[in-house]
């Protein structure tokens, strides 16, 4: 999960959590400005919120070596 938006289902699979627990975690991360919600119903999953890491969080992770920089 880098620059691309993802769904609750995607996060639940990655985190090995039930979808309800993943959704609660994602909502807390939105409230804390770690994630943004770029849209609902995009990417082939109509009506489902999509989440994305805030650009500043991505830059911090790339600067720490935790993520590979994404070419623009």
C-alpha atoms as a PDB file:
ATOM      1  CA  UNK A   1       0.000   0.000   0.000  1.00  0.00           C
ATOM      2  CA  UNK A   2       1.849   2.980  -1.269  1.00  0.00           C
ATOM      3  CA  UNK A   3       0.448   5.732  -3.411  1.00  0.00           C
ATOM      4  CA  UNK A   4      -2.608   3.804  -4.607  1.00  0.00           C
ATOM      5  CA  UNK A   5      -5.933   4.119  -2.799  1.00  0.00           C
ATOM      6  CA  UNK A   6      -7.200   1.004  -1.027  1.00  0.00           C
ATOM      7  CA  UNK A   7     -10.416  -0.293   0.528  1.00  0.00           C
ATOM      8  CA  UNK A   8     -11.258  -1.611   3.984  1.00  0.00           C
ATOM      9  CA  UNK A   9     -11.150  -5.098   2.492  1.00  0.00           C
ATOM     10  CA  UNK A  10      -7.630  -4.523   1.141  1.00  0.00           C
ATOM     11  CA  UNK A  11      -6.433  -3.307   4.554  1.00  0.00           C
ATOM     12  CA  UNK A  12      -8.150  -6.169   6.387  1.00  0.00           C
ATOM     13  CA  UNK A  13      -6.371  -8.710   4.178  1.00  0.00           C
ATOM     14  CA  UNK A  14      -2.969  -7.010   4.622  1.00  0.00           C
ATOM     15  CA  UNK A  15      -3.390  -6.630   8.388  1.00  0.00           C
ATOM     16  CA  UNK A  16      -5.051 -10.025   8.860  1.00  0.00           C
ATOM     17  CA  UNK A  17      -7.958  -8.385  10.718  1.00  0.00           C
ATOM     18  CA  UNK A  18     -11.727  -8.675  10.420  1.00  0.00           C
ATOM     19  CA  UNK A  19     -13.125  -5.939   8.161  1.00  0.00           C
ATOM     20  CA  UNK A  20     -14.917  -4.224  11.067  1.00  0.00           C
ATOM     21  CA  UNK A  21     -11.652  -3.893  13.018  1.00  0.00           C
ATOM     22  CA  UNK A  22      -9.774  -2.696   9.931  1.00  0.00           C
ATOM     23  CA  UNK A  23     -12.461  -0.095   9.206  1.00  0.00           C
ATOM     24  CA  UNK A  24     -12.277   1.269  12.756  1.00  0.00           C
ATOM     25  CA  UNK A  25      -8.494   1.491  12.511  1.00  0.00           C
ATOM     26  CA  UNK A  26      -8.653   3.254   9.133  1.00  0.00           C
ATOM     27  CA  UNK A  27     -11.215   5.761  10.408  1.00  0.00           C
ATOM     28  CA  UNK A  28      -8.962   6.580  13.372  1.00  0.00           C
ATOM     29  CA  UNK A  29      -6.062   7.068  10.981  1.00  0.00           C
ATOM     30  CA  UNK A  30      -8.196   9.482   8.899  1.00  0.00           C
ATOM     31  CA  UNK A  31      -9.080  11.414  12.062  1.00  0.00           C
ATOM     32  CA  UNK A  32      -5.365  11.577  12.915  1.00  0.00           C
ATOM     33  CA  UNK A  33      -4.486  12.810   9.395  1.00  0.00           C
ATOM     34  CA  UNK A  34      -2.365   9.732   8.660  1.00  0.00           C
ATOM     35  CA  UNK A  35      -4.761   8.695   5.875  1.00  0.00           C
ATOM     36  CA  UNK A  36      -6.996  10.611   3.490  1.00  0.00           C
ATOM     37  CA  UNK A  37     -10.185   9.492   1.780  1.00  0.00           C
ATOM     38  CA  UNK A  38      -9.750  10.349  -1.898  1.00  0.00           C
ATOM     39  CA  UNK A  39     -13.159   9.009  -2.868  1.00  0.00           C
ATOM     40  CA  UNK A  40     -15.982   6.568  -2.593  1.00  0.00           C
ATOM     41  CA  UNK A  41     -16.889   3.999  -5.192  1.00  0.00           C
ATOM     42  CA  UNK A  42     -13.751   4.195  -7.311  1.00  0.00           C
ATOM     43  CA  UNK A  43     -11.510   1.426  -8.464  1.00  0.00           C
ATOM     44  CA  UNK A  44     -14.200  -1.129  -9.284  1.00  0.00           C
ATOM     45  CA  UNK A  45     -15.769  -1.224  -5.810  1.00  0.00           C
ATOM     46  CA  UNK A  46     -18.846   1.011  -5.985  1.00  0.00           C
ATOM     47  CA  UNK A  47     -20.029   2.582  -2.760  1.00  0.00           C
ATOM     48  CA  UNK A  48     -16.957   1.634  -0.714  1.00  0.00           C
ATOM     49  CA  UNK A  49     -14.680   4.288   0.782  1.00  0.00           C
ATOM     50  CA  UNK A  50     -11.120   4.341  -0.496  1.00  0.00           C
ATOM     51  CA  UNK A  51      -8.192   5.320   1.701  1.00  0.00           C
ATOM     52  CA  UNK A  52      -4.747   6.605   0.906  1.00  0.00           C
ATOM     53  CA  UNK A  53      -1.723   7.528   3.001  1.00  0.00           C
ATOM     54  CA  UNK A  54      -1.332  11.286   3.422  1.00  0.00           C
ATOM     55  CA  UNK A  55       1.462  12.570   1.168  1.00  0.00           C
ATOM     56  CA  UNK A  56       3.492  13.847   4.140  1.00  0.00           C
ATOM     57  CA  UNK A  57       3.343  10.401   5.735  1.00  0.00           C
ATOM     58  CA  UNK A  58       4.548   8.842   2.494  1.00  0.00           C
ATOM     59  CA  UNK A  59       7.422  11.322   2.259  1.00  0.00           C
ATOM     60  CA  UNK A  60       8.450  10.643   5.848  1.00  0.00           C
ATOM     61  CA  UNK A  61       8.390   6.878   5.243  1.00  0.00           C
ATOM     62  CA  UNK A  62      10.404   7.251   2.031  1.00  0.00           C
ATOM     63  CA  UNK A  63      12.910   9.492   3.803  1.00  0.00           C
ATOM     64  CA  UNK A  64      13.355   6.897   6.550  1.00  0.00           C
ATOM     65  CA  UNK A  65      13.980   4.134   4.027  1.00  0.00           C
ATOM     66  CA  UNK A  66      10.769   2.315   4.985  1.00  0.00           C
ATOM     67  CA  UNK A  67       9.347   2.783   1.474  1.00  0.00           C
ATOM     68  CA  UNK A  68      10.832   3.064  -1.951  1.00  0.00           C
ATOM     69  CA  UNK A  69      10.287   6.490  -3.550  1.00  0.00           C
ATOM     70  CA  UNK A  70       7.596   6.446  -6.221  1.00  0.00           C
ATOM     71  CA  UNK A  71       8.643   8.024  -9.534  1.00  0.00           C
ATOM     72  CA  UNK A  72       6.371  10.872 -10.578  1.00  0.00           C
END
